[in-house]
Amino acid sequence: MDVMMKGEKFQTNGPVPEVGDNAPSFNLKNLNNEDVKLSDYEGEVVILSTFPDITTSTCSRQTDTFNTEGKELKNTTVLSISANTVEEQEKWGQAKDVDTVLLHDSERTFAKEYGLYIEDMDKIARAVFVLNRHGQIVYREIVKEMSGDPNYEDALSAARHEEAELS
């Protein structure tokens, strides 16, 4: 899949899961070096928010926005995923007041499995997936111009809709 970074075209490594697909499983580390698996959130609505670099303004804003707005959702967990090092994520988190799950994809296994790996940049493409309580993708956005923001309201609306289905 083609994505752009400030007008320059880059290619991701493969097909990206579609709406209706079951989300591929993964096992990543959080900032406490604990394993976090997608299966840990079975029965919950999940927002997977991926971004190229937590130290940039757009990626920081994406993480901040989903952190802030996600707190208003009762049965939704936001998982923020980047290829940044633990140290970079920790430094960013210390400068912010966030209560979000930051996961680092140091081996790029998540990025490759989800077709979001950009080898030429060694980064993860900016994307948002919303998963229902069964782990099925109900919303997907791959941001074509990676310096741009995702559509926060559409993703949050999809999560709210799935939360309503839990009731």
N, C-alpha and C. Protein backbone atom coordinates (compact mmCIF):
# COMPACT_ATOMS: atom_id res chain seq x y z
N MET A 1 0.85 -1.17 0.00
CA MET A 1 0.00 0.00 0.00
C MET A 1 0.89 1.23 0.00
N ASP A 2 0.52 2.22 -0.80
CA ASP A 2 1.27 3.47 -0.86
C ASP A 2 0.80 4.42 0.23
N VAL A 3 1.77 5.04 0.89
CA VAL A 3 1.52 6.14 1.81
C VAL A 3 2.50 7.25 1.46
N MET A 4 2.20 8.44 1.93
CA MET A 4 3.05 9.59 1.62
C MET A 4 3.58 10.19 2.93
N MET A 5 4.78 10.77 2.83
CA MET A 5 5.32 11.53 3.95
C MET A 5 5.83 12.84 3.37
N LYS A 6 5.04 13.89 3.63
CA LYS A 6 5.35 15.22 3.11
C LYS A 6 5.56 15.18 1.59
N GLY A 7 4.65 14.46 0.92
CA GLY A 7 4.66 14.41 -0.53
C GLY A 7 5.51 13.32 -1.15
N GLU A 8 6.35 12.67 -0.36
CA GLU A 8 7.19 11.59 -0.88
C GLU A 8 6.48 10.25 -0.68
N LYS A 9 6.44 9.44 -1.74
CA LYS A 9 5.72 8.17 -1.70
C LYS A 9 6.59 7.07 -1.08
N PHE A 10 5.94 6.29 -0.21
CA PHE A 10 6.57 5.12 0.40
C PHE A 10 5.61 3.94 0.29
N GLN A 11 6.15 2.75 0.34
CA GLN A 11 5.37 1.52 0.21
C GLN A 11 5.40 0.76 1.53
N THR A 12 4.22 0.29 1.98
CA THR A 12 4.18 -0.59 3.15
C THR A 12 4.47 -2.02 2.69
N ASN A 13 4.71 -2.90 3.64
CA ASN A 13 5.17 -4.23 3.31
C ASN A 13 4.11 -5.19 2.78
N GLY A 14 2.85 -4.89 2.89
CA GLY A 14 1.88 -5.87 2.42
C GLY A 14 0.46 -5.43 2.61
N PRO A 15 -0.46 -6.36 2.39
CA PRO A 15 -1.87 -6.02 2.55
C PRO A 15 -2.21 -5.73 4.02
N VAL A 16 -3.12 -4.79 4.19
CA VAL A 16 -3.57 -4.38 5.51
C VAL A 16 -4.91 -5.06 5.77
N PRO A 17 -5.12 -5.60 6.97
CA PRO A 17 -6.41 -6.23 7.28
C PRO A 17 -7.58 -5.28 6.99
N GLU A 18 -8.67 -5.85 6.52
CA GLU A 18 -9.85 -5.09 6.11
C GLU A 18 -10.92 -5.12 7.20
N VAL A 19 -11.87 -4.19 7.07
CA VAL A 19 -13.05 -4.22 7.92
C VAL A 19 -13.74 -5.56 7.69
N GLY A 20 -14.12 -6.22 8.77
CA GLY A 20 -14.73 -7.55 8.69
C GLY A 20 -13.76 -8.67 9.01
N ASP A 21 -12.45 -8.41 8.85
CA ASP A 21 -11.43 -9.41 9.19
C ASP A 21 -11.27 -9.49 10.70
N ASN A 22 -10.82 -10.64 11.16
CA ASN A 22 -10.38 -10.75 12.55
C ASN A 22 -9.01 -10.10 12.63
N ALA A 23 -8.81 -9.29 13.64
CA ALA A 23 -7.51 -8.62 13.80
C ALA A 23 -6.43 -9.66 14.09
N PRO A 24 -5.30 -9.57 13.39
CA PRO A 24 -4.20 -10.50 13.69
C PRO A 24 -3.75 -10.35 15.14
N SER A 25 -3.44 -11.48 15.76
CA SER A 25 -2.98 -11.45 17.15
C SER A 25 -1.58 -10.85 17.20
N PHE A 26 -1.21 -10.36 18.36
CA PHE A 26 0.14 -9.83 18.54
C PHE A 26 0.52 -9.93 20.01
N ASN A 27 1.81 -9.81 20.24
CA ASN A 27 2.37 -9.81 21.59
C ASN A 27 3.49 -8.77 21.58
N LEU A 28 3.25 -7.64 22.25
CA LEU A 28 4.22 -6.55 22.31
C LEU A 28 4.53 -6.23 23.77
N LYS A 29 5.53 -5.42 23.99
CA LYS A 29 5.91 -5.01 25.34
C LYS A 29 5.41 -3.61 25.64
N ASN A 30 4.96 -3.41 26.89
CA ASN A 30 4.59 -2.07 27.33
C ASN A 30 5.81 -1.41 27.98
N LEU A 31 5.61 -0.24 28.57
CA LEU A 31 6.74 0.49 29.15
C LEU A 31 7.32 -0.19 30.39
N ASN A 32 6.58 -1.12 30.97
CA ASN A 32 7.09 -1.88 32.12
C ASN A 32 7.72 -3.19 31.68
N ASN A 33 7.92 -3.34 30.38
CA ASN A 33 8.51 -4.54 29.78
C ASN A 33 7.63 -5.78 30.00
N GLU A 34 6.32 -5.55 30.15
CA GLU A 34 5.37 -6.65 30.31
C GLU A 34 4.77 -6.99 28.95
N ASP A 35 4.49 -8.27 28.74
CA ASP A 35 3.83 -8.69 27.52
C ASP A 35 2.39 -8.19 27.49
N VAL A 36 1.99 -7.67 26.35
CA VAL A 36 0.61 -7.26 26.12
C VAL A 36 0.17 -7.94 24.84
N LYS A 37 -0.88 -8.75 24.96
CA LYS A 37 -1.40 -9.50 23.81
C LYS A 37 -2.79 -8.98 23.48
N LEU A 38 -3.14 -9.05 22.22
CA LEU A 38 -4.48 -8.65 21.81
C LEU A 38 -5.52 -9.47 22.56
N SER A 39 -5.24 -10.74 22.77
CA SER A 39 -6.19 -11.62 23.46
C SER A 39 -6.47 -11.17 24.90
N ASP A 40 -5.59 -10.34 25.48
CA ASP A 40 -5.83 -9.81 26.82
C ASP A 40 -7.10 -8.96 26.87
N TYR A 41 -7.54 -8.48 25.71
CA TYR A 41 -8.66 -7.54 25.65
C TYR A 41 -9.91 -8.16 25.02
N GLU A 42 -9.94 -9.48 24.99
CA GLU A 42 -11.12 -10.18 24.46
C GLU A 42 -12.35 -9.77 25.27
N GLY A 43 -13.43 -9.46 24.58
CA GLY A 43 -14.65 -9.03 25.24
C GLY A 43 -14.75 -7.52 25.39
N GLU A 44 -13.69 -6.80 25.02
CA GLU A 44 -13.67 -5.34 25.10
C GLU A 44 -13.58 -4.75 23.70
N VAL A 45 -13.98 -3.50 23.58
CA VAL A 45 -13.74 -2.75 22.36
C VAL A 45 -12.30 -2.22 22.44
N VAL A 46 -11.57 -2.29 21.33
CA VAL A 46 -10.17 -1.87 21.32
C VAL A 46 -9.95 -0.89 20.16
N ILE A 47 -9.24 0.19 20.46
CA ILE A 47 -8.75 1.09 19.42
C ILE A 47 -7.25 0.85 19.32
N LEU A 48 -6.80 0.42 18.14
CA LEU A 48 -5.37 0.28 17.86
C LEU A 48 -4.95 1.54 17.12
N SER A 49 -4.09 2.32 17.73
CA SER A 49 -3.62 3.57 17.15
C SER A 49 -2.14 3.43 16.87
N THR A 50 -1.76 3.42 15.58
CA THR A 50 -0.36 3.27 15.22
C THR A 50 0.16 4.57 14.61
N PHE A 51 1.44 4.82 14.83
CA PHE A 51 2.03 6.07 14.35
C PHE A 51 3.53 5.87 14.16
N PRO A 52 4.12 6.71 13.28
CA PRO A 52 5.53 6.52 12.94
C PRO A 52 6.53 6.88 14.04
N ASP A 53 6.28 7.97 14.79
CA ASP A 53 7.32 8.45 15.71
C ASP A 53 6.70 9.32 16.80
N ILE A 54 6.67 8.83 18.03
CA ILE A 54 6.03 9.52 19.15
C ILE A 54 6.62 10.90 19.40
N THR A 55 7.85 11.16 18.93
CA THR A 55 8.50 12.43 19.21
C THR A 55 8.07 13.56 18.26
N THR A 56 7.22 13.27 17.28
CA THR A 56 6.76 14.32 16.36
C THR A 56 5.42 14.88 16.85
N SER A 57 5.10 16.08 16.39
CA SER A 57 3.90 16.75 16.88
C SER A 57 2.62 16.01 16.50
N THR A 58 2.54 15.50 15.28
CA THR A 58 1.32 14.81 14.86
C THR A 58 1.12 13.51 15.64
N CYS A 59 2.18 12.75 15.82
CA CYS A 59 2.08 11.49 16.56
C CYS A 59 1.76 11.75 18.03
N SER A 60 2.36 12.77 18.58
CA SER A 60 2.07 13.15 19.96
C SER A 60 0.60 13.54 20.10
N ARG A 61 0.11 14.35 19.16
CA ARG A 61 -1.29 14.79 19.18
C ARG A 61 -2.23 13.59 19.04
N GLN A 62 -1.89 12.65 18.16
CA GLN A 62 -2.73 11.47 17.98
C GLN A 62 -2.83 10.69 19.28
N THR A 63 -1.72 10.49 19.94
CA THR A 63 -1.71 9.75 21.20
C THR A 63 -2.46 10.52 22.28
N ASP A 64 -2.21 11.83 22.37
CA ASP A 64 -2.93 12.67 23.34
C ASP A 64 -4.43 12.62 23.11
N THR A 65 -4.85 12.77 21.85
CA THR A 65 -6.28 12.83 21.54
C THR A 65 -6.97 11.53 21.89
N PHE A 66 -6.41 10.41 21.47
CA PHE A 66 -7.04 9.13 21.80
C PHE A 66 -6.99 8.85 23.29
N ASN A 67 -5.94 9.31 23.97
CA ASN A 67 -5.86 9.15 25.42
C ASN A 67 -6.98 9.94 26.10
N THR A 68 -7.12 11.20 25.73
CA THR A 68 -8.13 12.08 26.34
C THR A 68 -9.54 11.61 26.02
N GLU A 69 -9.82 11.42 24.75
CA GLU A 69 -11.16 11.02 24.32
C GLU A 69 -11.49 9.59 24.76
N GLY A 70 -10.49 8.75 24.78
CA GLY A 70 -10.71 7.36 25.18
C GLY A 70 -11.15 7.21 26.62
N LYS A 71 -10.77 8.16 27.47
CA LYS A 71 -11.18 8.11 28.89
C LYS A 71 -12.70 8.23 29.03
N GLU A 72 -13.35 8.85 28.05
CA GLU A 72 -14.80 9.01 28.10
C GLU A 72 -15.54 7.73 27.68
N LEU A 73 -14.82 6.80 27.09
CA LEU A 73 -15.42 5.53 26.68
C LEU A 73 -15.30 4.54 27.82
N LYS A 74 -16.40 3.89 28.17
CA LYS A 74 -16.43 3.04 29.36
C LYS A 74 -15.80 1.67 29.17
N ASN A 75 -16.01 1.07 27.99
CA ASN A 75 -15.56 -0.31 27.76
C ASN A 75 -14.62 -0.41 26.58
N THR A 76 -13.80 0.64 26.40
CA THR A 76 -12.86 0.67 25.28
C THR A 76 -11.46 0.89 25.81
N THR A 77 -10.52 0.13 25.28
CA THR A 77 -9.11 0.31 25.60
C THR A 77 -8.40 0.84 24.37
N VAL A 78 -7.58 1.84 24.56
CA VAL A 78 -6.75 2.38 23.48
C VAL A 78 -5.34 1.81 23.64
N LEU A 79 -4.85 1.18 22.58
CA LEU A 79 -3.49 0.69 22.54
C LEU A 79 -2.74 1.52 21.51
N SER A 80 -1.72 2.25 21.95
CA SER A 80 -0.93 3.11 21.08
C SER A 80 0.38 2.40 20.76
N ILE A 81 0.67 2.25 19.47
CA ILE A 81 1.78 1.40 19.03
C ILE A 81 2.69 2.16 18.08
N SER A 82 3.99 2.14 18.39
CA SER A 82 4.98 2.72 17.50
C SER A 82 6.25 1.88 17.52
N ALA A 83 7.16 2.21 16.61
CA ALA A 83 8.45 1.52 16.56
C ALA A 83 9.50 2.26 17.38
N ASN A 84 9.08 3.26 18.12
CA ASN A 84 10.03 3.98 18.98
C ASN A 84 10.63 3.05 20.02
N THR A 85 11.77 3.44 20.56
CA THR A 85 12.38 2.67 21.64
C THR A 85 11.58 2.91 22.92
N VAL A 86 11.79 2.06 23.88
CA VAL A 86 11.16 2.21 25.19
C VAL A 86 11.57 3.56 25.79
N GLU A 87 12.83 3.90 25.64
CA GLU A 87 13.33 5.15 26.21
C GLU A 87 12.63 6.36 25.59
N GLU A 88 12.43 6.35 24.29
CA GLU A 88 11.73 7.46 23.62
C GLU A 88 10.28 7.55 24.10
N GLN A 89 9.63 6.40 24.21
CA GLN A 89 8.25 6.41 24.69
C GLN A 89 8.17 6.87 26.14
N GLU A 90 9.09 6.40 26.98
CA GLU A 90 9.10 6.82 28.39
C GLU A 90 9.32 8.32 28.52
N LYS A 91 10.27 8.85 27.76
CA LYS A 91 10.56 10.29 27.80
C LYS A 91 9.33 11.08 27.40
N TRP A 92 8.65 10.65 26.36
CA TRP A 92 7.44 11.32 25.92
C TRP A 92 6.37 11.25 27.02
N GLY A 93 6.18 10.07 27.59
CA GLY A 93 5.16 9.87 28.61
C GLY A 93 5.42 10.69 29.87
N GLN A 94 6.68 10.87 30.22
CA GLN A 94 7.03 11.65 31.41
C GLN A 94 6.70 13.13 31.23
N ALA A 95 6.73 13.59 29.99
CA ALA A 95 6.42 15.00 29.71
C ALA A 95 4.92 15.24 29.61
N LYS A 96 4.13 14.17 29.59
CA LYS A 96 2.68 14.26 29.44
C LYS A 96 2.00 13.65 30.65
N ASP A 97 0.75 13.97 30.81
CA ASP A 97 -0.07 13.31 31.83
C ASP A 97 -1.00 12.36 31.10
N VAL A 98 -0.49 11.20 30.79
CA VAL A 98 -1.28 10.26 29.99
C VAL A 98 -1.52 8.97 30.76
N ASP A 99 -2.65 8.39 30.48
CA ASP A 99 -3.01 7.10 31.04
C ASP A 99 -3.40 6.21 29.87
N THR A 100 -2.43 5.90 29.06
CA THR A 100 -2.68 5.09 27.89
C THR A 100 -1.68 3.94 27.86
N VAL A 101 -2.00 2.92 27.12
CA VAL A 101 -1.10 1.78 26.99
C VAL A 101 -0.21 2.05 25.78
N LEU A 102 1.07 2.35 26.04
CA LEU A 102 2.04 2.56 24.98
C LEU A 102 2.80 1.26 24.75
N LEU A 103 2.78 0.79 23.52
CA LEU A 103 3.46 -0.45 23.17
C LEU A 103 4.54 -0.17 22.14
N HIS A 104 5.68 -0.81 22.32
CA HIS A 104 6.75 -0.63 21.35
C HIS A 104 6.94 -1.91 20.53
N ASP A 105 7.00 -1.69 19.25
CA ASP A 105 7.15 -2.78 18.28
C ASP A 105 8.61 -2.83 17.84
N SER A 106 9.48 -3.19 18.78
CA SER A 106 10.91 -3.13 18.53
C SER A 106 11.37 -4.09 17.42
N GLU A 107 10.69 -5.19 17.27
CA GLU A 107 11.05 -6.16 16.23
C GLU A 107 10.24 -5.95 14.95
N ARG A 108 9.32 -4.99 14.97
CA ARG A 108 8.45 -4.66 13.82
C ARG A 108 7.51 -5.81 13.46
N THR A 109 7.27 -6.71 14.39
CA THR A 109 6.40 -7.86 14.10
C THR A 109 4.95 -7.42 13.90
N PHE A 110 4.48 -6.51 14.74
CA PHE A 110 3.11 -6.00 14.58
C PHE A 110 3.00 -5.30 13.24
N ALA A 111 3.92 -4.38 12.97
CA ALA A 111 3.87 -3.60 11.73
C ALA A 111 3.85 -4.51 10.51
N LYS A 112 4.66 -5.53 10.52
CA LYS A 112 4.72 -6.45 9.36
C LYS A 112 3.45 -7.28 9.25
N GLU A 113 2.94 -7.77 10.38
CA GLU A 113 1.73 -8.59 10.37
C GLU A 113 0.52 -7.80 9.89
N TYR A 114 0.48 -6.53 10.21
CA TYR A 114 -0.65 -5.67 9.83
C TYR A 114 -0.42 -4.97 8.48
N GLY A 115 0.70 -5.27 7.81
CA GLY A 115 0.97 -4.67 6.51
C GLY A 115 1.27 -3.19 6.58
N LEU A 116 1.76 -2.71 7.73
CA LEU A 116 1.99 -1.28 7.96
C LEU A 116 3.47 -0.92 8.02
N TYR A 117 4.34 -1.88 7.80
CA TYR A 117 5.78 -1.61 7.94
C TYR A 117 6.30 -0.91 6.69
N ILE A 118 7.00 0.20 6.91
CA ILE A 118 7.63 0.95 5.83
C ILE A 118 9.14 0.75 5.96
N GLU A 119 9.66 -0.20 5.19
CA GLU A 119 11.07 -0.58 5.32
C GLU A 119 12.01 0.58 5.04
N ASP A 120 11.71 1.39 4.03
CA ASP A 120 12.60 2.51 3.68
C ASP A 120 12.76 3.51 4.81
N MET A 121 11.82 3.56 5.71
CA MET A 121 11.87 4.50 6.84
C MET A 121 12.08 3.78 8.17
N ASP A 122 11.91 2.46 8.17
CA ASP A 122 11.91 1.66 9.39
C ASP A 122 10.88 2.20 10.39
N LYS A 123 9.68 2.48 9.87
CA LYS A 123 8.60 3.04 10.67
C LYS A 123 7.30 2.27 10.43
N ILE A 124 6.33 2.57 11.28
CA ILE A 124 4.97 2.04 11.14
C ILE A 124 4.12 3.14 10.54
N ALA A 125 3.31 2.79 9.55
CA ALA A 125 2.39 3.76 8.95
C ALA A 125 1.36 4.21 9.97
N ARG A 126 0.87 5.43 9.81
CA ARG A 126 -0.17 5.95 10.69
C ARG A 126 -1.50 5.29 10.33
N ALA A 127 -2.12 4.65 11.31
CA ALA A 127 -3.38 3.95 11.07
C ALA A 127 -4.17 3.86 12.37
N VAL A 128 -5.47 3.62 12.21
CA VAL A 128 -6.36 3.40 13.35
C VAL A 128 -7.29 2.25 13.00
N PHE A 129 -7.40 1.30 13.90
CA PHE A 129 -8.34 0.20 13.78
C PHE A 129 -9.22 0.21 15.02
N VAL A 130 -10.50 -0.04 14.84
CA VAL A 130 -11.40 -0.26 15.97
C VAL A 130 -11.86 -1.71 15.87
N LEU A 131 -11.72 -2.42 17.00
CA LEU A 131 -12.09 -3.83 17.05
C LEU A 131 -13.29 -4.00 17.96
N ASN A 132 -14.20 -4.87 17.55
CA ASN A 132 -15.33 -5.16 18.43
C ASN A 132 -14.91 -6.16 19.50
N ARG A 133 -15.83 -6.53 20.36
CA ARG A 133 -15.49 -7.41 21.49
C ARG A 133 -15.04 -8.79 21.07
N HIS A 134 -15.28 -9.15 19.79
CA HIS A 134 -14.84 -10.45 19.26
C HIS A 134 -13.51 -10.35 18.53
N GLY A 135 -12.90 -9.16 18.51
CA GLY A 135 -11.62 -8.98 17.85
C GLY A 135 -11.74 -8.76 16.35
N GLN A 136 -12.94 -8.47 15.90
CA GLN A 136 -13.16 -8.22 14.48
C GLN A 136 -12.98 -6.72 14.19
N ILE A 137 -12.35 -6.41 13.07
CA ILE A 137 -12.15 -5.02 12.68
C ILE A 137 -13.46 -4.44 12.18
N VAL A 138 -13.91 -3.36 12.83
CA VAL A 138 -15.15 -2.70 12.45
C VAL A 138 -14.90 -1.31 11.87
N TYR A 139 -13.67 -0.83 12.03
CA TYR A 139 -13.29 0.46 11.46
C TYR A 139 -11.80 0.39 11.15
N ARG A 140 -11.43 0.98 10.00
CA ARG A 140 -10.02 0.98 9.61
C ARG A 140 -9.73 2.27 8.86
N GLU A 141 -8.67 2.92 9.25
CA GLU A 141 -8.19 4.08 8.50
C GLU A 141 -6.67 4.00 8.41
N ILE A 142 -6.17 4.00 7.18
CA ILE A 142 -4.74 4.13 6.95
C ILE A 142 -4.57 5.56 6.43
N VAL A 143 -3.86 6.39 7.17
CA VAL A 143 -3.71 7.79 6.80
C VAL A 143 -2.72 7.87 5.65
N LYS A 144 -3.21 8.27 4.48
CA LYS A 144 -2.37 8.29 3.27
C LYS A 144 -1.21 9.26 3.39
N GLU A 145 -1.45 10.47 3.91
CA GLU A 145 -0.38 11.44 4.14
C GLU A 145 -0.02 11.36 5.62
N MET A 146 1.10 10.69 5.90
CA MET A 146 1.42 10.37 7.29
C MET A 146 1.70 11.58 8.16
N SER A 147 1.93 12.73 7.57
CA SER A 147 2.11 13.92 8.40
C SER A 147 0.76 14.50 8.83
N GLY A 148 -0.33 13.91 8.33
CA GLY A 148 -1.68 14.35 8.69
C GLY A 148 -2.26 13.53 9.81
N ASP A 149 -3.33 14.05 10.39
CA ASP A 149 -4.01 13.38 11.50
C ASP A 149 -5.01 12.35 10.98
N PRO A 150 -5.28 11.32 11.78
CA PRO A 150 -6.39 10.44 11.45
C PRO A 150 -7.72 11.14 11.72
N ASN A 151 -8.80 10.53 11.29
CA ASN A 151 -10.13 11.08 11.56
C ASN A 151 -10.56 10.58 12.95
N TYR A 152 -10.24 11.38 13.95
CA TYR A 152 -10.50 10.99 15.33
C TYR A 152 -11.98 10.70 15.56
N GLU A 153 -12.84 11.59 15.08
CA GLU A 153 -14.27 11.45 15.37
C GLU A 153 -14.85 10.18 14.76
N ASP A 154 -14.44 9.82 13.55
CA ASP A 154 -14.95 8.59 12.94
C ASP A 154 -14.53 7.36 13.75
N ALA A 155 -13.27 7.34 14.18
CA ALA A 155 -12.79 6.20 14.97
C ALA A 155 -13.51 6.13 16.32
N LEU A 156 -13.64 7.26 16.98
CA LEU A 156 -14.32 7.28 18.28
C LEU A 156 -15.80 6.94 18.14
N SER A 157 -16.41 7.38 17.06
CA SER A 157 -17.81 7.05 16.80
C SER A 157 -17.99 5.55 16.61
N ALA A 158 -17.06 4.92 15.91
CA ALA A 158 -17.11 3.47 15.72
C ALA A 158 -16.98 2.76 17.07
N ALA A 159 -16.09 3.26 17.92
CA ALA A 159 -15.93 2.66 19.26
C ALA A 159 -17.20 2.84 20.09
N ARG A 160 -17.80 4.03 20.03
CA ARG A 160 -19.05 4.26 20.78
C ARG A 160 -20.15 3.32 20.30
N HIS A 161 -20.22 3.13 19.00
CA HIS A 161 -21.22 2.22 18.43
C HIS A 161 -21.01 0.80 18.97
N GLU A 162 -19.78 0.36 19.01
CA GLU A 162 -19.48 -0.98 19.51
C GLU A 162 -19.76 -1.08 21.00
N GLU A 163 -19.50 -0.03 21.75
CA GLU A 163 -19.84 -0.04 23.18
C GLU A 163 -21.34 -0.19 23.38
N ALA A 164 -22.12 0.46 22.53
CA ALA A 164 -23.58 0.37 22.63
C ALA A 164 -24.02 -1.08 22.39
N GLU A 165 -23.30 -1.78 21.53
CA GLU A 165 -23.62 -3.18 21.25
C GLU A 165 -23.36 -4.07 22.47
N LEU A 166 -22.48 -3.64 23.36
CA LEU A 166 -22.17 -4.42 24.58
C LEU A 166 -23.33 -4.37 25.57
N SER A 167 -24.14 -3.34 25.49
CA SER A 167 -25.24 -3.15 26.47
C SER A 167 -26.39 -4.09 26.21
